[in-house]
Amino acid sequence: MASPKSKDSVTSEKELPGRRDGSNAKSRPRPARSSSRYSPAEVHEIFRRFSVQRPEPKGELEHINAFTLLVAVVLSAQATDVGVNKATRALFKAADTPQKMLALGEAKVGEYIRTIGLWRNKAKNVIALSQALIRDHGGEVPDDRDELVKLPGVGRKTANVVLNMAFGQHTMAVDTHIFRIGNRLGLAPGKTPEQVEQGLLKIIPNEYMRHAHHWLILHGRYVCKARKPDCPACVIADICKAEVKTTDVPAPLVPIAPLDSVEEVQDRSGTAA
């Protein structure tokens, strides 16, 4: 984040869906948005195929617990997951709680994350974030979005990622990939990330909401890419209504093995990936 005040990418065994928007506050009118171009049956089939392709999708940010997940997501702004992981492996070994992070201090945290963009401001955020968690939440990460977005460096997207991954809530964190897919495919058109978020929450079947966030991110990152969509590799090519698509023939629907982490590759090869 640009500053500690700025607002913006440990799964619990017990799912706590709560409200889909990740908030325990009273209901408020949703912003106006365009309708999805897909019927409920088509949406169901899209996510059914994603569920077959990746039965247990996982985020690519490495973390130990809810706190380290929160820190990793804050650090990931304007940075790659690979770059964040390289920096946080050593950091999280030294500090995996707000108390330990605060004890390290801003300068030491900065040394760990110097390879990440905007590292000076992010180091300030991490320390301010740790202080706020200790002061206001007894050192625990809150499971309420309204409380999360009060924390330094935490915005709606970051809060939704944490609520989904750490607490099993049915939230939708709209990053650049999901925003692109929502509009390109006409799945949930919107001029803002929040409009796309609300559109997706409205149409995605509840049975698929737990992992929908990861399915869409991974699809956008590896198949429906920004510059040139890889339509021949797309399992929903026959359903897709994107104007840029190049084929109506879907790719074979087979499970995809989880991506190996850099450490796993190194362990097998003995060299850096």
C-alpha atoms as a PDB file:
ATOM      1  CA  MET A   1       0.000   0.000   0.000  1.00  0.00           C
ATOM      2  CA  ALA A   2       1.107   3.591  -0.553  1.00  0.00           C
ATOM      3  CA  SER A   3       0.707   4.513   3.127  1.00  0.00           C
ATOM      4  CA  PRO A   4      -0.632   3.033   6.364  1.00  0.00           C
ATOM      5  CA  LYS A   5      -3.958   4.706   5.669  1.00  0.00           C
ATOM      6  CA  SER A   6      -4.372   3.472   2.096  1.00  0.00           C
ATOM      7  CA  LYS A   7      -7.090   0.982   1.168  1.00  0.00           C
ATOM      8  CA  ASP A   8      -6.642  -1.255  -1.450  1.00  0.00           C
ATOM      9  CA  SER A   9      -3.813 -11.434  -3.399  1.00  0.00           C
ATOM     10  CA  VAL A  10      -5.115 -21.546   6.643  1.00  0.00           C
ATOM     11  CA  THR A  11      -8.325 -22.703   5.627  1.00  0.00           C
ATOM     12  CA  SER A  12     -10.583 -23.414   8.579  1.00  0.00           C
ATOM     13  CA  GLU A  13     -11.920 -26.963   8.661  1.00  0.00           C
ATOM     14  CA  LYS A  14     -15.243 -25.584   9.823  1.00  0.00           C
ATOM     15  CA  GLU A  15     -16.817 -23.439   7.152  1.00  0.00           C
ATOM     16  CA  LEU A  16     -18.435 -20.258   8.370  1.00  0.00           C
ATOM     17  CA  PRO A  17     -20.186 -18.860   5.295  1.00  0.00           C
ATOM     18  CA  GLY A  18     -21.806 -15.942   7.107  1.00  0.00           C
ATOM     19  CA  ARG A  19     -22.911 -13.173   4.795  1.00  0.00           C
ATOM     20  CA  ARG A  20     -21.539 -13.405   1.297  1.00  0.00           C
ATOM     21  CA  ASP A  21     -20.133  -9.883   1.399  1.00  0.00           C
ATOM     22  CA  GLY A  22     -18.042 -10.739   4.456  1.00  0.00           C
ATOM     23  CA  SER A  23     -19.798  -8.214   6.664  1.00  0.00           C
ATOM     24  CA  ASN A  24     -21.897  -8.655   9.762  1.00  0.00           C
ATOM     25  CA  ALA A  25     -23.360  -5.187   9.413  1.00  0.00           C
ATOM     26  CA  LYS A  26     -26.947  -4.410   8.459  1.00  0.00           C
ATOM     27  CA  SER A  27     -27.937  -4.893   4.850  1.00  0.00           C
ATOM     28  CA  ARG A  28     -27.452  -1.956   2.525  1.00  0.00           C
ATOM     29  CA  PRO A  29     -28.714  -1.397  -1.025  1.00  0.00           C
ATOM     30  CA  ARG A  30     -26.413  -2.932  -3.605  1.00  0.00           C
ATOM     31  CA  PRO A  31     -24.944  -0.673  -6.306  1.00  0.00           C
ATOM     32  CA  ALA A  32     -26.583  -0.735  -9.715  1.00  0.00           C
ATOM     33  CA  ARG A  33     -24.961  -3.143 -12.154  1.00  0.00           C
ATOM     34  CA  SER A  34     -25.521  -4.765 -15.510  1.00  0.00           C
ATOM     35  CA  SER A  35     -27.014  -8.237 -15.724  1.00  0.00           C
ATOM     36  CA  SER A  36     -24.994 -11.358 -16.412  1.00  0.00           C
ATOM     37  CA  ARG A  37     -25.109 -12.655 -19.979  1.00  0.00           C
ATOM     38  CA  TYR A  38     -25.426 -16.201 -18.658  1.00  0.00           C
ATOM     39  CA  SER A  39     -28.425 -18.191 -17.510  1.00  0.00           C
ATOM     40  CA  PRO A  40     -28.366 -19.841 -14.063  1.00  0.00           C
ATOM     41  CA  ALA A  41     -27.836 -23.205 -15.757  1.00  0.00           C
ATOM     42  CA  GLU A  42     -24.853 -21.877 -17.702  1.00  0.00           C
ATOM     43  CA  VAL A  43     -23.298 -20.338 -14.594  1.00  0.00           C
ATOM     44  CA  HIS A  44     -23.765 -23.604 -12.713  1.00  0.00           C
ATOM     45  CA  GLU A  45     -22.053 -25.532 -15.517  1.00  0.00           C
ATOM     46  CA  ILE A  46     -19.150 -23.075 -15.649  1.00  0.00           C
ATOM     47  CA  PHE A  47     -18.362 -23.569 -11.978  1.00  0.00           C
ATOM     48  CA  ARG A  48     -19.062 -27.289 -12.100  1.00  0.00           C
ATOM     49  CA  ARG A  49     -16.313 -27.596 -14.688  1.00  0.00           C
ATOM     50  CA  PHE A  50     -13.962 -25.433 -12.667  1.00  0.00           C
ATOM     51  CA  SER A  51     -14.618 -27.707  -9.679  1.00  0.00           C
ATOM     52  CA  VAL A  52     -13.697 -30.783 -11.727  1.00  0.00           C
ATOM     53  CA  GLN A  53     -10.590 -29.109 -13.088  1.00  0.00           C
ATOM     54  CA  ARG A  54      -9.376 -27.919  -9.681  1.00  0.00           C
ATOM     55  CA  PRO A  55     -11.231 -29.759  -6.881  1.00  0.00           C
ATOM     56  CA  GLU A  56      -9.248 -28.063  -4.104  1.00  0.00           C
ATOM     57  CA  PRO A  57      -7.854 -24.792  -5.448  1.00  0.00           C
ATOM     58  CA  LYS A  58      -5.418 -22.910  -3.258  1.00  0.00           C
ATOM     59  CA  GLY A  59      -4.040 -19.421  -3.250  1.00  0.00           C
ATOM     60  CA  GLU A  60      -0.432 -19.019  -4.289  1.00  0.00           C
ATOM     61  CA  LEU A  61       0.598 -16.755  -1.398  1.00  0.00           C
ATOM     62  CA  GLU A  62       2.428 -18.834   1.198  1.00  0.00           C
ATOM     63  CA  HIS A  63       1.337 -18.368   4.808  1.00  0.00           C
ATOM     64  CA  ILE A  64       1.235 -20.104   8.180  1.00  0.00           C
ATOM     65  CA  ASN A  65      -1.889 -18.725   9.821  1.00  0.00           C
ATOM     66  CA  ALA A  66      -4.487 -15.985   9.494  1.00  0.00           C
ATOM     67  CA  PHE A  67      -2.021 -13.292  10.549  1.00  0.00           C
ATOM     68  CA  THR A  68       0.687 -14.245   8.060  1.00  0.00           C
ATOM     69  CA  LEU A  69      -1.960 -14.545   5.358  1.00  0.00           C
ATOM     70  CA  LEU A  70      -3.119 -11.004   6.130  1.00  0.00           C
ATOM     71  CA  VAL A  71       0.452  -9.713   5.986  1.00  0.00           C
ATOM     72  CA  ALA A  72       1.162 -11.561   2.737  1.00  0.00           C
ATOM     73  CA  VAL A  73      -1.909 -10.113   1.040  1.00  0.00           C
ATOM     74  CA  VAL A  74      -1.021  -6.591   2.191  1.00  0.00           C
ATOM     75  CA  LEU A  75       2.495  -7.070   0.803  1.00  0.00           C
ATOM     76  CA  SER A  76       1.184  -8.432  -2.500  1.00  0.00           C
ATOM     77  CA  ALA A  77      -0.207  -5.092  -3.673  1.00  0.00           C
ATOM     78  CA  GLN A  78       1.663  -4.131  -6.867  1.00  0.00           C
ATOM     79  CA  ALA A  79       3.868  -7.198  -6.468  1.00  0.00           C
ATOM     80  CA  THR A  80       3.833 -10.789  -7.699  1.00  0.00           C
ATOM     81  CA  ASP A  81       2.963 -13.734  -5.479  1.00  0.00           C
ATOM     82  CA  VAL A  82       6.324 -15.297  -6.345  1.00  0.00           C
ATOM     83  CA  GLY A  83       8.167 -12.181  -5.223  1.00  0.00           C
ATOM     84  CA  VAL A  84       6.186 -11.933  -2.001  1.00  0.00           C
ATOM     85  CA  ASN A  85       6.758 -15.597  -1.184  1.00  0.00           C
ATOM     86  CA  LYS A  86      10.522 -15.251  -1.589  1.00  0.00           C
ATOM     87  CA  ALA A  87      10.548 -12.384   0.892  1.00  0.00           C
ATOM     88  CA  THR A  88       8.099 -13.746   3.439  1.00  0.00           C
ATOM     89  CA  ARG A  89       9.543 -17.238   3.896  1.00  0.00           C
ATOM     90  CA  ALA A  90      12.313 -15.877   6.099  1.00  0.00           C
ATOM     91  CA  LEU A  91      10.110 -13.156   7.591  1.00  0.00           C
ATOM     92  CA  PHE A  92       7.417 -15.580   8.738  1.00  0.00           C
ATOM     93  CA  LYS A  93       9.997 -17.917  10.268  1.00  0.00           C
ATOM     94  CA  ALA A  94      11.089 -15.007  12.426  1.00  0.00           C
ATOM     95  CA  ALA A  95       7.638 -13.545  13.105  1.00  0.00           C
ATOM     96  CA  ASP A  96       4.348 -15.395  12.694  1.00  0.00           C
ATOM     97  CA  THR A  97       2.329 -13.384  15.228  1.00  0.00           C
ATOM     98  CA  PRO A  98       1.626  -9.660  15.646  1.00  0.00           C
ATOM     99  CA  GLN A  99       3.658  -9.656  18.854  1.00  0.00           C
ATOM    100  CA  LYS A 100       6.740 -11.128  17.180  1.00  0.00           C
ATOM    101  CA  MET A 101       6.349  -8.817  14.175  1.00  0.00           C
ATOM    102  CA  LEU A 102       6.152  -5.770  16.428  1.00  0.00           C
ATOM    103  CA  ALA A 103       9.235  -6.956  18.297  1.00  0.00           C
ATOM    104  CA  LEU A 104      11.160  -7.087  15.007  1.00  0.00           C
ATOM    105  CA  GLY A 105      10.461  -3.426  14.348  1.00  0.00           C
ATOM    106  CA  GLU A 106       9.979  -1.504  11.136  1.00  0.00           C
ATOM    107  CA  ALA A 107      13.642  -1.433  10.128  1.00  0.00           C
ATOM    108  CA  LYS A 108      14.107  -5.177  10.482  1.00  0.00           C
ATOM    109  CA  VAL A 109      10.850  -5.946   8.670  1.00  0.00           C
ATOM    110  CA  GLY A 110      12.053  -3.670   5.900  1.00  0.00           C
ATOM    111  CA  GLU A 111      15.257  -5.685   5.559  1.00  0.00           C
ATOM    112  CA  TYR A 112      13.221  -8.861   4.993  1.00  0.00           C
ATOM    113  CA  ILE A 113      10.976  -7.329   2.319  1.00  0.00           C
ATOM    114  CA  ARG A 114      13.405  -5.045   0.462  1.00  0.00           C
ATOM    115  CA  THR A 115      12.888  -7.002  -2.765  1.00  0.00           C
ATOM    116  CA  ILE A 116       9.172  -6.144  -2.824  1.00  0.00           C
ATOM    117  CA  GLY A 117       7.937  -2.942  -4.461  1.00  0.00           C
ATOM    118  CA  LEU A 118       7.079  -0.075  -2.107  1.00  0.00           C
ATOM    119  CA  TRP A 119       8.784  -1.986   0.706  1.00  0.00           C
ATOM    120  CA  ARG A 120       9.331   1.020   2.957  1.00  0.00           C
ATOM    121  CA  ASN A 121       5.638   1.919   3.143  1.00  0.00           C
ATOM    122  CA  LYS A 122       4.696  -1.742   3.393  1.00  0.00           C
ATOM    123  CA  ALA A 123       7.035  -2.218   6.365  1.00  0.00           C
ATOM    124  CA  LYS A 124       5.252   0.683   8.067  1.00  0.00           C
ATOM    125  CA  ASN A 125       1.911  -0.917   7.289  1.00  0.00           C
ATOM    126  CA  VAL A 126       2.941  -4.293   8.698  1.00  0.00           C
ATOM    127  CA  ILE A 127       4.065  -2.730  11.991  1.00  0.00           C
ATOM    128  CA  ALA A 128       0.977  -0.499  12.237  1.00  0.00           C
ATOM    129  CA  LEU A 129      -1.188  -3.500  11.388  1.00  0.00           C
ATOM    130  CA  SER A 130       0.433  -5.573  14.132  1.00  0.00           C
ATOM    131  CA  GLN A 131      -0.024  -2.773  16.651  1.00  0.00           C
ATOM    132  CA  ALA A 132      -3.720  -2.441  15.774  1.00  0.00           C
ATOM    133  CA  LEU A 133      -4.327  -6.185  16.073  1.00  0.00           C
ATOM    134  CA  ILE A 134      -2.728  -6.275  19.517  1.00  0.00           C
ATOM    135  CA  ARG A 135      -4.460  -3.112  20.712  1.00  0.00           C
ATOM    136  CA  ASP A 136      -7.940  -3.723  19.332  1.00  0.00           C
ATOM    137  CA  HIS A 137      -8.253  -7.487  18.861  1.00  0.00           C
ATOM    138  CA  GLY A 138      -6.047  -9.174  21.415  1.00  0.00           C
ATOM    139  CA  GLY A 139      -3.552 -10.131  18.732  1.00  0.00           C
ATOM    140  CA  GLU A 140      -6.133 -12.086  16.731  1.00  0.00           C
ATOM    141  CA  VAL A 141      -7.236 -11.412  13.151  1.00  0.00           C
ATOM    142  CA  PRO A 142     -10.948 -10.472  13.202  1.00  0.00           C
ATOM    143  CA  ASP A 143     -13.377 -12.490  11.086  1.00  0.00           C
ATOM    144  CA  ASP A 144     -15.492  -9.464  10.172  1.00  0.00           C
ATOM    145  CA  ARG A 145     -14.833  -7.317   7.107  1.00  0.00           C
ATOM    146  CA  ASP A 146     -15.939  -4.082   8.746  1.00  0.00           C
ATOM    147  CA  GLU A 147     -13.245  -4.624  11.383  1.00  0.00           C
ATOM    148  CA  LEU A 148     -10.612  -5.779   8.906  1.00  0.00           C
ATOM    149  CA  VAL A 149     -10.871  -2.694   6.690  1.00  0.00           C
ATOM    150  CA  LYS A 150     -10.162  -0.497   9.719  1.00  0.00           C
ATOM    151  CA  LEU A 151      -6.672  -1.988   9.906  1.00  0.00           C
ATOM    152  CA  PRO A 152      -3.768  -0.073   8.295  1.00  0.00           C
ATOM    153  CA  GLY A 153      -3.197  -1.061   4.682  1.00  0.00           C
ATOM    154  CA  VAL A 154      -6.282  -3.281   4.501  1.00  0.00           C
ATOM    155  CA  GLY A 155      -9.037  -2.631   1.972  1.00  0.00           C
ATOM    156  CA  ARG A 156     -12.044  -4.513   0.717  1.00  0.00           C
ATOM    157  CA  LYS A 157     -10.147  -6.927  -1.524  1.00  0.00           C
ATOM    158  CA  THR A 158      -7.609  -7.863   1.141  1.00  0.00           C
ATOM    159  CA  ALA A 159     -10.355  -8.346   3.710  1.00  0.00           C
ATOM    160  CA  ASN A 160     -12.308 -10.603   1.368  1.00  0.00           C
ATOM    161  CA  VAL A 161      -9.249 -12.769   0.680  1.00  0.00           C
ATOM    162  CA  VAL A 162      -8.626 -13.253   4.398  1.00  0.00           C
ATOM    163  CA  LEU A 163     -12.277 -13.964   5.180  1.00  0.00           C
ATOM    164  CA  ASN A 164     -12.426 -16.546   2.407  1.00  0.00           C
ATOM    165  CA  MET A 165      -9.119 -18.304   2.971  1.00  0.00           C
ATOM    166  CA  ALA A 166      -8.719 -18.065   6.746  1.00  0.00           C
ATOM    167  CA  PHE A 167     -12.340 -18.279   7.864  1.00  0.00           C
ATOM    168  CA  GLY A 168     -14.138 -20.092   5.057  1.00  0.00           C
ATOM    169  CA  GLN A 169     -16.572 -17.255   4.402  1.00  0.00           C
ATOM    170  CA  HIS A 170     -18.272 -16.994   1.015  1.00  0.00           C
ATOM    171  CA  THR A 171     -16.663 -13.758  -0.123  1.00  0.00           C
ATOM    172  CA  MET A 172     -15.413 -12.652  -3.533  1.00  0.00           C
ATOM    173  CA  ALA A 173     -12.143 -10.725  -3.699  1.00  0.00           C
ATOM    174  CA  VAL A 174     -12.022  -8.973  -7.073  1.00  0.00           C
ATOM    175  CA  ASP A 175      -8.478  -8.535  -8.315  1.00  0.00           C
ATOM    176  CA  THR A 176      -7.429  -7.554 -11.840  1.00  0.00           C
ATOM    177  CA  HIS A 177      -8.001 -11.095 -13.139  1.00  0.00           C
ATOM    178  CA  ILE A 178     -11.532 -11.405 -11.776  1.00  0.00           C
ATOM    179  CA  PHE A 179     -12.424  -7.874 -12.850  1.00  0.00           C
ATOM    180  CA  ARG A 180     -11.254  -8.693 -16.376  1.00  0.00           C
ATOM    181  CA  ILE A 181     -13.148 -11.987 -16.541  1.00  0.00           C
ATOM    182  CA  GLY A 182     -16.332 -10.496 -15.118  1.00  0.00           C
ATOM    183  CA  ASN A 183     -16.382  -7.926 -17.911  1.00  0.00           C
ATOM    184  CA  ARG A 184     -14.740  -9.815 -20.788  1.00  0.00           C
ATOM    185  CA  LEU A 185     -17.024 -12.821 -20.476  1.00  0.00           C
ATOM    186  CA  GLY A 186     -20.053 -10.772 -19.486  1.00  0.00           C
ATOM    187  CA  LEU A 187     -20.304 -12.982 -16.420  1.00  0.00           C
ATOM    188  CA  ALA A 188     -20.736 -10.065 -14.028  1.00  0.00           C
ATOM    189  CA  PRO A 189     -20.161  -6.764 -15.850  1.00  0.00           C
ATOM    190  CA  GLY A 190     -19.307  -3.733 -13.766  1.00  0.00           C
ATOM    191  CA  LYS A 191     -17.426  -0.463 -13.913  1.00  0.00           C
ATOM    192  CA  THR A 192     -15.887  -0.973 -10.481  1.00  0.00           C
ATOM    193  CA  PRO A 193     -14.494  -3.988  -8.608  1.00  0.00           C
ATOM    194  CA  GLU A 194     -17.352  -3.733  -6.119  1.00  0.00           C
ATOM    195  CA  GLN A 195     -19.959  -3.933  -8.883  1.00  0.00           C
ATOM    196  CA  VAL A 196     -18.278  -7.022 -10.309  1.00  0.00           C
ATOM    197  CA  GLU A 197     -18.050  -8.487  -6.809  1.00  0.00           C
ATOM    198  CA  GLN A 198     -21.746  -7.986  -6.126  1.00  0.00           C
ATOM    199  CA  GLY A 199     -22.666  -9.358  -9.538  1.00  0.00           C
ATOM    200  CA  LEU A 200     -20.681 -12.543  -8.944  1.00  0.00           C
ATOM    201  CA  LEU A 201     -22.100 -12.989  -5.447  1.00  0.00           C
ATOM    202  CA  LYS A 202     -25.572 -12.806  -6.926  1.00  0.00           C
ATOM    203  CA  ILE A 203     -25.138 -15.429  -9.656  1.00  0.00           C
ATOM    204  CA  ILE A 204     -22.667 -18.030  -8.337  1.00  0.00           C
ATOM    205  CA  PRO A 205     -24.428 -21.058  -6.799  1.00  0.00           C
ATOM    206  CA  ASN A 206     -23.854 -21.370  -3.073  1.00  0.00           C
ATOM    207  CA  GLU A 207     -22.315 -24.826  -3.465  1.00  0.00           C
ATOM    208  CA  TYR A 208     -19.441 -23.305  -5.431  1.00  0.00           C
ATOM    209  CA  MET A 209     -18.905 -20.065  -3.502  1.00  0.00           C
ATOM    210  CA  ARG A 210     -16.265 -21.466  -1.155  1.00  0.00           C
ATOM    211  CA  HIS A 211     -13.699 -21.829  -3.960  1.00  0.00           C
ATOM    212  CA  ALA A 212     -15.128 -19.519  -6.651  1.00  0.00           C
ATOM    213  CA  HIS A 213     -12.626 -16.779  -5.865  1.00  0.00           C
ATOM    214  CA  HIS A 214      -9.643 -19.055  -6.518  1.00  0.00           C
ATOM    215  CA  TRP A 215     -11.147 -20.687  -9.602  1.00  0.00           C
ATOM    216  CA  LEU A 216     -11.679 -17.326 -11.270  1.00  0.00           C
ATOM    217  CA  ILE A 217      -8.223 -16.003 -10.347  1.00  0.00           C
ATOM    218  CA  LEU A 218      -6.461 -19.119 -11.624  1.00  0.00           C
ATOM    219  CA  HIS A 219      -8.550 -19.135 -14.798  1.00  0.00           C
ATOM    220  CA  GLY A 220      -7.651 -15.501 -15.422  1.00  0.00           C
ATOM    221  CA  ARG A 221      -3.986 -15.977 -14.602  1.00  0.00           C
ATOM    222  CA  TYR A 222      -3.307 -19.078 -16.677  1.00  0.00           C
ATOM    223  CA  VAL A 223      -6.038 -19.312 -19.340  1.00  0.00           C
ATOM    224  CA  CYS A 224      -8.085 -16.161 -19.897  1.00  0.00           C
ATOM    225  CA  LYS A 225      -4.976 -13.987 -19.894  1.00  0.00           C
ATOM    226  CA  ALA A 226      -5.022 -10.227 -20.281  1.00  0.00           C
ATOM    227  CA  ARG A 227      -3.213  -9.842 -23.602  1.00  0.00           C
ATOM    228  CA  LYS A 228      -4.077 -13.075 -25.364  1.00  0.00           C
ATOM    229  CA  PRO A 229      -6.627 -15.537 -23.966  1.00  0.00           C
ATOM    230  CA  ASP A 230      -5.584 -19.173 -24.393  1.00  0.00           C
ATOM    231  CA  CYS A 231      -8.995 -20.281 -25.669  1.00  0.00           C
ATOM    232  CA  PRO A 232      -7.894 -23.774 -26.804  1.00  0.00           C
ATOM    233  CA  ALA A 233      -6.976 -24.484 -23.159  1.00  0.00           C
ATOM    234  CA  CYS A 234     -10.332 -23.238 -21.843  1.00  0.00           C
ATOM    235  CA  VAL A 235     -12.771 -25.795 -20.414  1.00  0.00           C
ATOM    236  CA  ILE A 236     -15.705 -23.404 -20.829  1.00  0.00           C
ATOM    237  CA  ALA A 237     -15.002 -22.281 -24.420  1.00  0.00           C
ATOM    238  CA  ASP A 238     -18.363 -23.594 -25.621  1.00  0.00           C
ATOM    239  CA  ILE A 239     -20.245 -21.597 -22.969  1.00  0.00           C
ATOM    240  CA  CYS A 240     -18.103 -18.459 -23.044  1.00  0.00           C
ATOM    241  CA  LYS A 241     -19.717 -15.393 -24.628  1.00  0.00           C
ATOM    242  CA  ALA A 242     -16.574 -13.249 -24.825  1.00  0.00           C
ATOM    243  CA  GLU A 243     -16.205 -11.403 -28.123  1.00  0.00           C
ATOM    244  CA  VAL A 244     -12.462 -12.136 -28.200  1.00  0.00           C
ATOM    245  CA  LYS A 245     -12.710 -15.914 -27.952  1.00  0.00           C
ATOM    246  CA  THR A 246     -11.173 -17.909 -30.801  1.00  0.00           C
ATOM    247  CA  THR A 247     -12.852 -21.305 -30.459  1.00  0.00           C
ATOM    248  CA  ASP A 248     -16.111 -22.899 -29.385  1.00  0.00           C
ATOM    249  CA  VAL A 249     -14.458 -26.230 -28.622  1.00  0.00           C
ATOM    250  CA  PRO A 250     -13.765 -26.701 -24.909  1.00  0.00           C
ATOM    251  CA  ALA A 251     -10.516 -28.186 -23.679  1.00  0.00           C
ATOM    252  CA  PRO A 252     -10.686 -31.693 -22.151  1.00  0.00           C
ATOM    253  CA  LEU A 253     -12.135 -31.568 -18.661  1.00  0.00           C
ATOM    254  CA  VAL A 254      -9.495 -33.262 -16.544  1.00  0.00           C
ATOM    255  CA  PRO A 255      -8.153 -32.462 -13.075  1.00  0.00           C
ATOM    256  CA  ILE A 256      -5.094 -30.225 -12.972  1.00  0.00           C
ATOM    257  CA  ALA A 257      -2.382 -31.082 -10.479  1.00  0.00           C
ATOM    258  CA  PRO A 258      -1.670 -28.282  -7.970  1.00  0.00           C
ATOM    259  CA  LEU A 259       1.234 -26.042  -8.911  1.00  0.00           C
ATOM    260  CA  ASP A 260       4.451 -26.908  -7.080  1.00  0.00           C
ATOM    261  CA  SER A 261       5.895 -24.297  -4.796  1.00  0.00           C
ATOM    262  CA  VAL A 262       9.405 -23.009  -5.442  1.00  0.00           C
ATOM    263  CA  GLU A 263      10.633 -24.896  -2.350  1.00  0.00           C
ATOM    264  CA  GLU A 264       9.202 -28.199  -3.623  1.00  0.00           C
ATOM    265  CA  VAL A 265      10.936 -27.751  -6.967  1.00  0.00           C
ATOM    266  CA  GLN A 266      14.202 -26.943  -5.210  1.00  0.00           C
ATOM    267  CA  ASP A 267      13.927 -29.981  -2.953  1.00  0.00           C
ATOM    268  CA  ARG A 268      13.573 -32.281  -5.961  1.00  0.00           C
ATOM    269  CA  SER A 269      16.190 -30.692  -8.197  1.00  0.00           C
ATOM    270  CA  GLY A 270      18.656 -29.287  -5.675  1.00  0.00           C
ATOM    271  CA  THR A 271      18.715 -26.025  -7.648  1.00  0.00           C
ATOM    272  CA  ALA A 272      16.701 -22.830  -7.669  1.00  0.00           C
ATOM    273  CA  ALA A 273      13.535 -22.917  -9.769  1.00  0.00           C
END
